[in-house]
Amino acid sequence: MANKQTRHIGERLKRLLTNIGTWLSRPWFAGAVVLYVLFWIIFDPSSFNWHAIATIATLFMTLFIQRSEHRDTQAIHAKLDELLRAHGDARNRLTTLDDKEPEQVEAFRDKTRASE
């Protein structure tokens, strides 16, 4: 019973992390960080030192990388979807892979490679 609950919690955590990654790639989140920095400067300017600037720069670089990765992934998905639509023999279940968790996609790829 505990193993089943642990597995359920693990699945929920994986789904949550995937959703957070997608959420962080949205442009409005960068605006939220700018707003956070403005509030920080207004309400506690004495603590806004070089360490704070480095922290904010790191956060922005992380957001830019996340955004770039998300854009690239979405472009690849769009291209592959078009190829699957154009090729009549493609398996329909491939079109739903982008709704799966990364571990499920890897398992599908491993299974496909093993059957070749």
PDB file of N, CA and C in Angstrom:
ATOM      1  N   MET A   1       0.830  -1.198   0.000  1.00  0.00           N
ATOM      2  CA  MET A   1       0.000   0.000   0.000  1.00  0.00           C
ATOM      3  C   MET A   1       0.870   1.255   0.000  1.00  0.00           C
ATOM      4  N   ALA A   2       1.917   1.265   0.817  1.00  0.00           N
ATOM      5  CA  ALA A   2       2.798   2.436   0.893  1.00  0.00           C
ATOM      6  C   ALA A   2       3.520   2.653  -0.425  1.00  0.00           C
ATOM      7  N   ASN A   3       3.895   1.561  -1.097  1.00  0.00           N
ATOM      8  CA  ASN A   3       4.578   1.668  -2.386  1.00  0.00           C
ATOM      9  C   ASN A   3       3.672   2.318  -3.426  1.00  0.00           C
ATOM     10  N   LYS A   4       2.397   1.965  -3.402  1.00  0.00           N
ATOM     11  CA  LYS A   4       1.428   2.551  -4.336  1.00  0.00           C
ATOM     12  C   LYS A   4       1.257   4.050  -4.061  1.00  0.00           C
ATOM     13  N   GLN A   5       1.188   4.422  -2.784  1.00  0.00           N
ATOM     14  CA  GLN A   5       1.059   5.834  -2.433  1.00  0.00           C
ATOM     15  C   GLN A   5       2.309   6.610  -2.823  1.00  0.00           C
ATOM     16  N   THR A   6       3.478   6.015  -2.602  1.00  0.00           N
ATOM     17  CA  THR A   6       4.742   6.666  -2.975  1.00  0.00           C
ATOM     18  C   THR A   6       4.805   6.880  -4.476  1.00  0.00           C
ATOM     19  N   ARG A   7       4.396   5.873  -5.231  1.00  0.00           N
ATOM     20  CA  ARG A   7       4.374   5.985  -6.688  1.00  0.00           C
ATOM     21  C   ARG A   7       3.414   7.093  -7.136  1.00  0.00           C
ATOM     22  N   HIS A   8       2.244   7.157  -6.483  1.00  0.00           N
ATOM     23  CA  HIS A   8       1.257   8.184  -6.817  1.00  0.00           C
ATOM     24  C   HIS A   8       1.811   9.585  -6.535  1.00  0.00           C
ATOM     25  N   ILE A   9       2.471   9.743  -5.408  1.00  0.00           N
ATOM     26  CA  ILE A   9       3.079  11.029  -5.058  1.00  0.00           C
ATOM     27  C   ILE A   9       4.178  11.370  -6.055  1.00  0.00           C
ATOM     28  N   GLY A  10       4.975  10.366  -6.434  1.00  0.00           N
ATOM     29  CA  GLY A  10       6.033  10.584  -7.419  1.00  0.00           C
ATOM     30  C   GLY A  10       5.478  11.040  -8.763  1.00  0.00           C
ATOM     31  N   GLU A  11       4.385  10.432  -9.203  1.00  0.00           N
ATOM     32  CA  GLU A  11       3.758  10.824 -10.469  1.00  0.00           C
ATOM     33  C   GLU A  11       3.220  12.246 -10.392  1.00  0.00           C
ATOM     34  N   ARG A  12       2.617  12.579  -9.272  1.00  0.00           N
ATOM     35  CA  ARG A  12       2.083  13.937  -9.103  1.00  0.00           C
ATOM     36  C   ARG A  12       3.216  14.965  -9.075  1.00  0.00           C
ATOM     37  N   LEU A  13       4.335  14.613  -8.438  1.00  0.00           N
ATOM     38  CA  LEU A  13       5.480  15.510  -8.380  1.00  0.00           C
ATOM     39  C   LEU A  13       6.071  15.720  -9.779  1.00  0.00           C
ATOM     40  N   LYS A  14       6.193  14.646 -10.560  1.00  0.00           N
ATOM     41  CA  LYS A  14       6.695  14.766 -11.930  1.00  0.00           C
ATOM     42  C   LYS A  14       5.807  15.681 -12.761  1.00  0.00           C
ATOM     43  N   ARG A  15       4.502  15.486 -12.652  1.00  0.00           N
ATOM     44  CA  ARG A  15       3.554  16.318 -13.396  1.00  0.00           C
ATOM     45  C   ARG A  15       3.659  17.780 -12.956  1.00  0.00           C
ATOM     46  N   LEU A  16       3.800  18.001 -11.645  1.00  0.00           N
ATOM     47  CA  LEU A  16       3.929  19.356 -11.117  1.00  0.00           C
ATOM     48  C   LEU A  16       5.189  20.039 -11.656  1.00  0.00           C
ATOM     49  N   LEU A  17       6.311  19.320 -11.640  1.00  0.00           N
ATOM     50  CA  LEU A  17       7.571  19.896 -12.131  1.00  0.00           C
ATOM     51  C   LEU A  17       7.492  20.232 -13.617  1.00  0.00           C
ATOM     52  N   THR A  18       6.853  19.377 -14.396  1.00  0.00           N
ATOM     53  CA  THR A  18       6.680  19.653 -15.822  1.00  0.00           C
ATOM     54  C   THR A  18       5.820  20.900 -16.017  1.00  0.00           C
ATOM     55  N   ASN A  19       4.741  21.003 -15.256  1.00  0.00           N
ATOM     56  CA  ASN A  19       3.861  22.174 -15.369  1.00  0.00           C
ATOM     57  C   ASN A  19       4.570  23.452 -14.935  1.00  0.00           C
ATOM     58  N   ILE A  20       5.391  23.369 -13.892  1.00  0.00           N
ATOM     59  CA  ILE A  20       6.134  24.545 -13.439  1.00  0.00           C
ATOM     60  C   ILE A  20       7.111  24.988 -14.515  1.00  0.00           C
ATOM     61  N   GLY A  21       7.799  24.035 -15.146  1.00  0.00           N
ATOM     62  CA  GLY A  21       8.721  24.373 -16.227  1.00  0.00           C
ATOM     63  C   GLY A  21       8.018  25.077 -17.374  1.00  0.00           C
ATOM     64  N   THR A  22       6.838  24.617 -17.726  1.00  0.00           N
ATOM     65  CA  THR A  22       6.065  25.264 -18.783  1.00  0.00           C
ATOM     66  C   THR A  22       5.617  26.649 -18.342  1.00  0.00           C
ATOM     67  N   TRP A  23       5.194  26.761 -17.104  1.00  0.00           N
ATOM     68  CA  TRP A  23       4.727  28.037 -16.552  1.00  0.00           C
ATOM     69  C   TRP A  23       5.851  29.067 -16.542  1.00  0.00           C
ATOM     70  N   LEU A  24       7.055  28.631 -16.172  1.00  0.00           N
ATOM     71  CA  LEU A  24       8.188  29.552 -16.102  1.00  0.00           C
ATOM     72  C   LEU A  24       8.654  30.032 -17.477  1.00  0.00           C
ATOM     73  N   SER A  25       8.251  29.345 -18.517  1.00  0.00           N
ATOM     74  CA  SER A  25       8.681  29.749 -19.856  1.00  0.00           C
ATOM     75  C   SER A  25       7.786  30.839 -20.447  1.00  0.00           C
ATOM     76  N   ARG A  26       6.765  31.216 -19.761  1.00  0.00           N
ATOM     77  CA  ARG A  26       5.849  32.261 -20.253  1.00  0.00           C
ATOM     78  C   ARG A  26       6.467  33.644 -20.078  1.00  0.00           C
ATOM     79  N   PRO A  27       6.234  34.542 -21.048  1.00  0.00           N
ATOM     80  CA  PRO A  27       6.837  35.886 -20.979  1.00  0.00           C
ATOM     81  C   PRO A  27       6.379  36.703 -19.770  1.00  0.00           C
ATOM     82  N   TRP A  28       5.164  36.504 -19.335  1.00  0.00           N
ATOM     83  CA  TRP A  28       4.671  37.310 -18.210  1.00  0.00           C
ATOM     84  C   TRP A  28       5.434  37.011 -16.922  1.00  0.00           C
ATOM     85  N   PHE A  29       6.078  35.830 -16.840  1.00  0.00           N
ATOM     86  CA  PHE A  29       6.829  35.525 -15.626  1.00  0.00           C
ATOM     87  C   PHE A  29       8.051  36.429 -15.495  1.00  0.00           C
ATOM     88  N   ALA A  30       8.670  36.784 -16.616  1.00  0.00           N
ATOM     89  CA  ALA A  30       9.789  37.737 -16.575  1.00  0.00           C
ATOM     90  C   ALA A  30       9.289  39.086 -16.051  1.00  0.00           C
ATOM     91  N   GLY A  31       8.083  39.468 -16.447  1.00  0.00           N
ATOM     92  CA  GLY A  31       7.480  40.688 -15.920  1.00  0.00           C
ATOM     93  C   GLY A  31       7.242  40.605 -14.422  1.00  0.00           C
ATOM     94  N   ALA A  32       6.855  39.421 -13.956  1.00  0.00           N
ATOM     95  CA  ALA A  32       6.659  39.229 -12.519  1.00  0.00           C
ATOM     96  C   ALA A  32       7.979  39.380 -11.768  1.00  0.00           C
ATOM     97  N   VAL A  33       9.069  38.916 -12.360  1.00  0.00           N
ATOM     98  CA  VAL A  33      10.387  39.063 -11.725  1.00  0.00           C
ATOM     99  C   VAL A  33      10.783  40.535 -11.677  1.00  0.00           C
ATOM    100  N   VAL A  34      10.520  41.282 -12.749  1.00  0.00           N
ATOM    101  CA  VAL A  34      10.817  42.717 -12.761  1.00  0.00           C
ATOM    102  C   VAL A  34      10.014  43.419 -11.663  1.00  0.00           C
ATOM    103  N   LEU A  35       8.754  43.055 -11.537  1.00  0.00           N
ATOM    104  CA  LEU A  35       7.914  43.637 -10.490  1.00  0.00           C
ATOM    105  C   LEU A  35       8.461  43.297  -9.103  1.00  0.00           C
ATOM    106  N   TYR A  36       8.914  42.066  -8.918  1.00  0.00           N
ATOM    107  CA  TYR A  36       9.517  41.646  -7.656  1.00  0.00           C
ATOM    108  C   TYR A  36      10.752  42.488  -7.343  1.00  0.00           C
ATOM    109  N   VAL A  37      11.599  42.708  -8.346  1.00  0.00           N
ATOM    110  CA  VAL A  37      12.814  43.520  -8.148  1.00  0.00           C
ATOM    111  C   VAL A  37      12.437  44.953  -7.783  1.00  0.00           C
ATOM    112  N   LEU A  38      11.442  45.511  -8.454  1.00  0.00           N
ATOM    113  CA  LEU A  38      11.009  46.876  -8.131  1.00  0.00           C
ATOM    114  C   LEU A  38      10.516  46.973  -6.684  1.00  0.00           C
ATOM    115  N   PHE A  39       9.710  45.997  -6.266  1.00  0.00           N
ATOM    116  CA  PHE A  39       9.247  45.998  -4.881  1.00  0.00           C
ATOM    117  C   PHE A  39      10.418  45.849  -3.911  1.00  0.00           C
ATOM    118  N   TRP A  40      11.374  45.032  -4.270  1.00  0.00           N
ATOM    119  CA  TRP A  40      12.563  44.833  -3.434  1.00  0.00           C
ATOM    120  C   TRP A  40      13.313  46.151  -3.272  1.00  0.00           C
ATOM    121  N   ILE A  41      13.513  46.858  -4.379  1.00  0.00           N
ATOM    122  CA  ILE A  41      14.241  48.133  -4.332  1.00  0.00           C
ATOM    123  C   ILE A  41      13.462  49.178  -3.540  1.00  0.00           C
ATOM    124  N   ILE A  42      12.135  49.188  -3.699  1.00  0.00           N
ATOM    125  CA  ILE A  42      11.313  50.181  -3.005  1.00  0.00           C
ATOM    126  C   ILE A  42      11.263  49.908  -1.497  1.00  0.00           C
ATOM    127  N   PHE A  43      11.034  48.661  -1.107  1.00  0.00           N
ATOM    128  CA  PHE A  43      10.792  48.345   0.296  1.00  0.00           C
ATOM    129  C   PHE A  43      12.036  47.992   1.112  1.00  0.00           C
ATOM    130  N   ASP A  44      13.115  47.574   0.453  1.00  0.00           N
ATOM    131  CA  ASP A  44      14.325  47.231   1.197  1.00  0.00           C
ATOM    132  C   ASP A  44      15.567  47.538   0.356  1.00  0.00           C
ATOM    133  N   PRO A  45      15.776  48.808   0.024  1.00  0.00           N
ATOM    134  CA  PRO A  45      16.896  49.153  -0.857  1.00  0.00           C
ATOM    135  C   PRO A  45      18.264  48.860  -0.243  1.00  0.00           C
ATOM    136  N   SER A  46      18.351  48.815   1.073  1.00  0.00           N
ATOM    137  CA  SER A  46      19.659  48.576   1.703  1.00  0.00           C
ATOM    138  C   SER A  46      20.173  47.155   1.458  1.00  0.00           C
ATOM    139  N   SER A  47      19.279  46.225   1.212  1.00  0.00           N
ATOM    140  CA  SER A  47      19.711  44.844   0.976  1.00  0.00           C
ATOM    141  C   SER A  47      19.965  44.555  -0.502  1.00  0.00           C
ATOM    142  N   PHE A  48      19.704  45.543  -1.348  1.00  0.00           N
ATOM    143  CA  PHE A  48      19.898  45.339  -2.784  1.00  0.00           C
ATOM    144  C   PHE A  48      21.343  45.690  -3.128  1.00  0.00           C
ATOM    145  N   ASN A  49      22.220  44.714  -2.971  1.00  0.00           N
ATOM    146  CA  ASN A  49      23.653  44.912  -3.192  1.00  0.00           C
ATOM    147  C   ASN A  49      24.115  44.077  -4.385  1.00  0.00           C
ATOM    148  N   TRP A  50      25.422  43.891  -4.520  1.00  0.00           N
ATOM    149  CA  TRP A  50      25.946  43.129  -5.660  1.00  0.00           C
ATOM    150  C   TRP A  50      25.470  41.683  -5.632  1.00  0.00           C
ATOM    151  N   HIS A  51      25.288  41.130  -4.444  1.00  0.00           N
ATOM    152  CA  HIS A  51      24.797  39.757  -4.342  1.00  0.00           C
ATOM    153  C   HIS A  51      23.369  39.653  -4.889  1.00  0.00           C
ATOM    154  N   ALA A  52      22.549  40.629  -4.589  1.00  0.00           N
ATOM    155  CA  ALA A  52      21.175  40.650  -5.100  1.00  0.00           C
ATOM    156  C   ALA A  52      21.167  40.780  -6.618  1.00  0.00           C
ATOM    157  N   ILE A  53      22.043  41.624  -7.142  1.00  0.00           N
ATOM    158  CA  ILE A  53      22.123  41.796  -8.602  1.00  0.00           C
ATOM    159  C   ILE A  53      22.546  40.489  -9.268  1.00  0.00           C
ATOM    160  N   ALA A  54      23.508  39.797  -8.685  1.00  0.00           N
ATOM    161  CA  ALA A  54      23.941  38.509  -9.235  1.00  0.00           C
ATOM    162  C   ALA A  54      22.808  37.488  -9.180  1.00  0.00           C
ATOM    163  N   THR A  55      22.048  37.501  -8.101  1.00  0.00           N
ATOM    164  CA  THR A  55      20.921  36.580  -7.969  1.00  0.00           C
ATOM    165  C   THR A  55      19.865  36.857  -9.031  1.00  0.00           C
ATOM    166  N   ILE A  56      19.539  38.123  -9.221  1.00  0.00           N
ATOM    167  CA  ILE A  56      18.536  38.495 -10.232  1.00  0.00           C
ATOM    168  C   ILE A  56      19.042  38.158 -11.636  1.00  0.00           C
ATOM    169  N   ALA A  57      20.316  38.417 -11.901  1.00  0.00           N
ATOM    170  CA  ALA A  57      20.881  38.086 -13.215  1.00  0.00           C
ATOM    171  C   ALA A  57      20.811  36.581 -13.470  1.00  0.00           C
ATOM    172  N   THR A  58      21.109  35.787 -12.451  1.00  0.00           N
ATOM    173  CA  THR A  58      21.022  34.335 -12.582  1.00  0.00           C
ATOM    174  C   THR A  58      19.590  33.894 -12.851  1.00  0.00           C
ATOM    175  N   LEU A  59      18.653  34.492 -12.144  1.00  0.00           N
ATOM    176  CA  LEU A  59      17.249  34.158 -12.350  1.00  0.00           C
ATOM    177  C   LEU A  59      16.818  34.493 -13.776  1.00  0.00           C
ATOM    178  N   PHE A  60      17.192  35.670 -14.263  1.00  0.00           N
ATOM    179  CA  PHE A  60      16.821  36.050 -15.625  1.00  0.00           C
ATOM    180  C   PHE A  60      17.468  35.130 -16.662  1.00  0.00           C
ATOM    181  N   MET A  61      18.712  34.769 -16.456  1.00  0.00           N
ATOM    182  CA  MET A  61      19.359  33.858 -17.406  1.00  0.00           C
ATOM    183  C   MET A  61      18.646  32.497 -17.409  1.00  0.00           C
ATOM    184  N   THR A  62      18.240  32.038 -16.245  1.00  0.00           N
ATOM    185  CA  THR A  62      17.495  30.786 -16.162  1.00  0.00           C
ATOM    186  C   THR A  62      16.180  30.893 -16.923  1.00  0.00           C
ATOM    187  N   LEU A  63      15.485  32.012 -16.761  1.00  0.00           N
ATOM    188  CA  LEU A  63      14.226  32.213 -17.481  1.00  0.00           C
ATOM    189  C   LEU A  63      14.448  32.278 -18.988  1.00  0.00           C
ATOM    190  N   PHE A  64      15.501  32.946 -19.425  1.00  0.00           N
ATOM    191  CA  PHE A  64      15.786  33.025 -20.860  1.00  0.00           C
ATOM    192  C   PHE A  64      16.100  31.645 -21.437  1.00  0.00           C
ATOM    193  N   ILE A  65      16.880  30.872 -20.704  1.00  0.00           N
ATOM    194  CA  ILE A  65      17.204  29.518 -21.165  1.00  0.00           C
ATOM    195  C   ILE A  65      15.940  28.664 -21.219  1.00  0.00           C
ATOM    196  N   GLN A  66      15.118  28.751 -20.188  1.00  0.00           N
ATOM    197  CA  GLN A  66      13.869  27.991 -20.151  1.00  0.00           C
ATOM    198  C   GLN A  66      12.976  28.378 -21.319  1.00  0.00           C
ATOM    199  N   ARG A  67      12.884  29.658 -21.598  1.00  0.00           N
ATOM    200  CA  ARG A  67      12.047  30.149 -22.705  1.00  0.00           C
ATOM    201  C   ARG A  67      12.576  29.630 -24.042  1.00  0.00           C
ATOM    202  N   SER A  68      13.879  29.685 -24.225  1.00  0.00           N
ATOM    203  CA  SER A  68      14.488  29.220 -25.463  1.00  0.00           C
ATOM    204  C   SER A  68      14.262  27.719 -25.653  1.00  0.00           C
ATOM    205  N   GLU A  69      14.447  26.954 -24.599  1.00  0.00           N
ATOM    206  CA  GLU A  69      14.223  25.505 -24.671  1.00  0.00           C
ATOM    207  C   GLU A  69      12.766  25.199 -24.998  1.00  0.00           C
ATOM    208  N   HIS A  70      11.852  25.917 -24.372  1.00  0.00           N
ATOM    209  CA  HIS A  70      10.427  25.689 -24.619  1.00  0.00           C
ATOM    210  C   HIS A  70      10.078  26.023 -26.066  1.00  0.00           C
ATOM    211  N   ARG A  71      10.602  27.128 -26.573  1.00  0.00           N
ATOM    212  CA  ARG A  71      10.349  27.518 -27.966  1.00  0.00           C
ATOM    213  C   ARG A  71      10.875  26.453 -28.923  1.00  0.00           C
ATOM    214  N   ASP A  72      12.103  25.997 -28.698  1.00  0.00           N
ATOM    215  CA  ASP A  72      12.694  24.978 -29.566  1.00  0.00           C
ATOM    216  C   ASP A  72      11.888  23.684 -29.525  1.00  0.00           C
ATOM    217  N   THR A  73      11.485  23.288 -28.345  1.00  0.00           N
ATOM    218  CA  THR A  73      10.697  22.061 -28.205  1.00  0.00           C
ATOM    219  C   THR A  73       9.364  22.182 -28.933  1.00  0.00           C
ATOM    220  N   GLN A  74       8.704  23.323 -28.781  1.00  0.00           N
ATOM    221  CA  GLN A  74       7.424  23.516 -29.457  1.00  0.00           C
ATOM    222  C   GLN A  74       7.597  23.519 -30.976  1.00  0.00           C
ATOM    223  N   ALA A  75       8.677  24.107 -31.469  1.00  0.00           N
ATOM    224  CA  ALA A  75       8.935  24.111 -32.913  1.00  0.00           C
ATOM    225  C   ALA A  75       9.173  22.693 -33.420  1.00  0.00           C
ATOM    226  N   ILE A  76       9.930  21.914 -32.680  1.00  0.00           N
ATOM    227  CA  ILE A  76      10.178  20.522 -33.078  1.00  0.00           C
ATOM    228  C   ILE A  76       8.872  19.736 -33.085  1.00  0.00           C
ATOM    229  N   HIS A  77       8.038  19.942 -32.073  1.00  0.00           N
ATOM    230  CA  HIS A  77       6.749  19.259 -32.028  1.00  0.00           C
ATOM    231  C   HIS A  77       5.888  19.631 -33.228  1.00  0.00           C
ATOM    232  N   ALA A  78       5.852  20.904 -33.575  1.00  0.00           N
ATOM    233  CA  ALA A  78       5.040  21.339 -34.714  1.00  0.00           C
ATOM    234  C   ALA A  78       5.532  20.699 -36.009  1.00  0.00           C
ATOM    235  N   LYS A  79       6.842  20.648 -36.185  1.00  0.00           N
ATOM    236  CA  LYS A  79       7.408  20.033 -37.390  1.00  0.00           C
ATOM    237  C   LYS A  79       7.099  18.537 -37.449  1.00  0.00           C
ATOM    238  N   LEU A  80       7.282  17.878 -36.320  1.00  0.00           N
ATOM    239  CA  LEU A  80       7.002  16.443 -36.291  1.00  0.00           C
ATOM    240  C   LEU A  80       5.519  16.148 -36.486  1.00  0.00           C
ATOM    241  N   ASP A  81       4.649  16.976 -35.906  1.00  0.00           N
ATOM    242  CA  ASP A  81       3.210  16.800 -36.121  1.00  0.00           C
ATOM    243  C   ASP A  81       2.874  16.905 -37.601  1.00  0.00           C
ATOM    244  N   GLU A  82       3.491  17.860 -38.279  1.00  0.00           N
ATOM    245  CA  GLU A  82       3.237  18.021 -39.715  1.00  0.00           C
ATOM    246  C   GLU A  82       3.737  16.805 -40.496  1.00  0.00           C
ATOM    247  N   LEU A  83       4.897  16.291 -40.131  1.00  0.00           N
ATOM    248  CA  LEU A  83       5.410  15.086 -40.797  1.00  0.00           C
ATOM    249  C   LEU A  83       4.501  13.885 -40.556  1.00  0.00           C
ATOM    250  N   LEU A  84       4.000  13.761 -39.338  1.00  0.00           N
ATOM    251  CA  LEU A  84       3.089  12.659 -39.041  1.00  0.00           C
ATOM    252  C   LEU A  84       1.783  12.787 -39.822  1.00  0.00           C
ATOM    253  N   ARG A  85       1.283  14.000 -39.967  1.00  0.00           N
ATOM    254  CA  ARG A  85       0.059  14.205 -40.739  1.00  0.00           C
ATOM    255  C   ARG A  85       0.290  13.911 -42.217  1.00  0.00           C
ATOM    256  N   ALA A  86       1.463  14.278 -42.728  1.00  0.00           N
ATOM    257  CA  ALA A  86       1.758  14.095 -44.150  1.00  0.00           C
ATOM    258  C   ALA A  86       2.010  12.633 -44.500  1.00  0.00           C
ATOM    259  N   HIS A  87       2.511  11.859 -43.557  1.00  0.00           N
ATOM    260  CA  HIS A  87       2.832  10.459 -43.812  1.00  0.00           C
ATOM    261  C   HIS A  87       1.656   9.605 -43.361  1.00  0.00           C
ATOM    262  N   GLY A  88       0.973   9.012 -44.278  1.00  0.00           N
ATOM    263  CA  GLY A  88      -0.246   8.262 -43.977  1.00  0.00           C
ATOM    264  C   GLY A  88      -0.036   7.026 -43.132  1.00  0.00           C
ATOM    265  N   ASP A  89       1.156   6.441 -43.129  1.00  0.00           N
ATOM    266  CA  ASP A  89       1.393   5.207 -42.387  1.00  0.00           C
ATOM    267  C   ASP A  89       1.794   5.444 -40.931  1.00  0.00           C
ATOM    268  N   ALA A  90       1.922   6.674 -40.511  1.00  0.00           N
ATOM    269  CA  ALA A  90       2.374   6.970 -39.151  1.00  0.00           C
ATOM    270  C   ALA A  90       1.337   6.489 -38.134  1.00  0.00           C
ATOM    271  N   ARG A  91       1.830   6.090 -36.984  1.00  0.00           N
ATOM    272  CA  ARG A  91       0.940   5.627 -35.923  1.00  0.00           C
ATOM    273  C   ARG A  91       0.317   6.838 -35.217  1.00  0.00           C
ATOM    274  N   ASN A  92      -0.978   6.799 -35.025  1.00  0.00           N
ATOM    275  CA  ASN A  92      -1.693   7.915 -34.403  1.00  0.00           C
ATOM    276  C   ASN A  92      -1.281   8.144 -32.959  1.00  0.00           C
ATOM    277  N   ARG A  93      -0.843   7.120 -32.252  1.00  0.00           N
ATOM    278  CA  ARG A  93      -0.494   7.303 -30.845  1.00  0.00           C
ATOM    279  C   ARG A  93       0.755   8.155 -30.678  1.00  0.00           C
ATOM    280  N   LEU A  94       1.532   8.335 -31.749  1.00  0.00           N
ATOM    281  CA  LEU A  94       2.703   9.207 -31.664  1.00  0.00           C
ATOM    282  C   LEU A  94       2.296  10.662 -31.453  1.00  0.00           C
ATOM    283  N   THR A  95       1.130  11.046 -31.932  1.00  0.00           N
ATOM    284  CA  THR A  95       0.709  12.438 -31.806  1.00  0.00           C
ATOM    285  C   THR A  95       0.370  12.824 -30.375  1.00  0.00           C
ATOM    286  N   THR A  96       0.179  11.856 -29.509  1.00  0.00           N
ATOM    287  CA  THR A  96      -0.162  12.170 -28.114  1.00  0.00           C
ATOM    288  C   THR A  96       1.047  12.104 -27.184  1.00  0.00           C
ATOM    289  N   LEU A  97       2.225  11.839 -27.728  1.00  0.00           N
ATOM    290  CA  LEU A  97       3.413  11.727 -26.885  1.00  0.00           C
ATOM    291  C   LEU A  97       3.751  13.025 -26.165  1.00  0.00           C
ATOM    292  N   ASP A  98       3.443  14.175 -26.762  1.00  0.00           N
ATOM    293  CA  ASP A  98       3.792  15.426 -26.107  1.00  0.00           C
ATOM    294  C   ASP A  98       2.917  15.707 -24.887  1.00  0.00           C
ATOM    295  N   ASP A  99       1.890  14.909 -24.667  1.00  0.00           N
ATOM    296  CA  ASP A  99       1.076  15.039 -23.456  1.00  0.00           C
ATOM    297  C   ASP A  99       1.600  14.177 -22.320  1.00  0.00           C
ATOM    298  N   LYS A 100       2.607  13.369 -22.593  1.00  0.00           N
ATOM    299  CA  LYS A 100       3.151  12.448 -21.606  1.00  0.00           C
ATOM    300  C   LYS A 100       4.280  13.096 -20.814  1.00  0.00           C
ATOM    301  N   GLU A 101       4.604  12.463 -19.702  1.00  0.00           N
ATOM    302  CA  GLU A 101       5.732  12.901 -18.888  1.00  0.00           C
ATOM    303  C   GLU A 101       7.037  12.467 -19.569  1.00  0.00           C
ATOM    304  N   PRO A 102       8.151  13.169 -19.317  1.00  0.00           N
ATOM    305  CA  PRO A 102       9.415  12.821 -19.973  1.00  0.00           C
ATOM    306  C   PRO A 102       9.821  11.357 -19.787  1.00  0.00           C
ATOM    307  N   GLU A 103       9.574  10.807 -18.623  1.00  0.00           N
ATOM    308  CA  GLU A 103       9.936   9.409 -18.377  1.00  0.00           C
ATOM    309  C   GLU A 103       9.106   8.461 -19.240  1.00  0.00           C
ATOM    310  N   GLN A 104       7.848   8.827 -19.470  1.00  0.00           N
ATOM    311  CA  GLN A 104       6.988   8.000 -20.315  1.00  0.00           C
ATOM    312  C   GLN A 104       7.444   8.055 -21.772  1.00  0.00           C
ATOM    313  N   VAL A 105       7.878   9.221 -22.221  1.00  0.00           N
ATOM    314  CA  VAL A 105       8.385   9.363 -23.585  1.00  0.00           C
ATOM    315  C   VAL A 105       9.655   8.535 -23.751  1.00  0.00           C
ATOM    316  N   GLU A 106      10.544   8.601 -22.766  1.00  0.00           N
ATOM    317  CA  GLU A 106      11.779   7.810 -22.830  1.00  0.00           C
ATOM    318  C   GLU A 106      11.469   6.317 -22.862  1.00  0.00           C
ATOM    319  N   ALA A 107      10.511   5.884 -22.059  1.00  0.00           N
ATOM    320  CA  ALA A 107      10.130   4.463 -22.054  1.00  0.00           C
ATOM    321  C   ALA A 107       9.562   4.060 -23.415  1.00  0.00           C
ATOM    322  N   PHE A 108       8.768   4.928 -24.020  1.00  0.00           N
ATOM    323  CA  PHE A 108       8.218   4.649 -25.348  1.00  0.00           C
ATOM    324  C   PHE A 108       9.337   4.525 -26.377  1.00  0.00           C
ATOM    325  N   ARG A 109      10.299   5.438 -26.318  1.00  0.00           N
ATOM    326  CA  ARG A 109      11.428   5.382 -27.257  1.00  0.00           C
ATOM    327  C   ARG A 109      12.251   4.120 -27.060  1.00  0.00           C
ATOM    328  N   ASP A 110      12.493   3.747 -25.809  1.00  0.00           N
ATOM    329  CA  ASP A 110      13.248   2.523 -25.536  1.00  0.00           C
ATOM    330  C   ASP A 110      12.499   1.298 -26.078  1.00  0.00           C
ATOM    331  N   LYS A 111      11.196   1.266 -25.878  1.00  0.00           N
ATOM    332  CA  LYS A 111      10.380   0.153 -26.363  1.00  0.00           C
ATOM    333  C   LYS A 111      10.407   0.092 -27.891  1.00  0.00           C
ATOM    334  N   THR A 112      10.335   1.246 -28.544  1.00  0.00           N
ATOM    335  CA  THR A 112      10.374   1.289 -30.008  1.00  0.00           C
ATOM    336  C   THR A 112      11.706   0.816 -30.536  1.00  0.00           C
ATOM    337  N   ARG A 113      12.793   1.263 -29.902  1.00  0.00           N
ATOM    338  CA  ARG A 113      14.134   0.830 -30.320  1.00  0.00           C
ATOM    339  C   ARG A 113      14.317  -0.668 -30.157  1.00  0.00           C
ATOM    340  N   ALA A 114      13.783  -1.217 -29.070  1.00  0.00           N
ATOM    341  CA  ALA A 114      13.935  -2.655 -28.802  1.00  0.00           C
ATOM    342  C   ALA A 114      13.174  -3.501 -29.826  1.00  0.00           C
ATOM    343  N   SER A 115      12.078  -2.969 -30.357  1.00  0.00           N
ATOM    344  CA  SER A 115      11.264  -3.750 -31.305  1.00  0.00           C
ATOM    345  C   SER A 115      11.786  -3.660 -32.742  1.00  0.00           C
ATOM    346  N   GLU A 116      12.765  -2.800 -32.993  1.00  0.00           N
ATOM    347  CA  GLU A 116      13.282  -2.655 -34.358  1.00  0.00           C
ATOM    348  C   GLU A 116      14.201  -3.782 -34.734  1.00  0.00           C
TER     349      GLU A 116
END
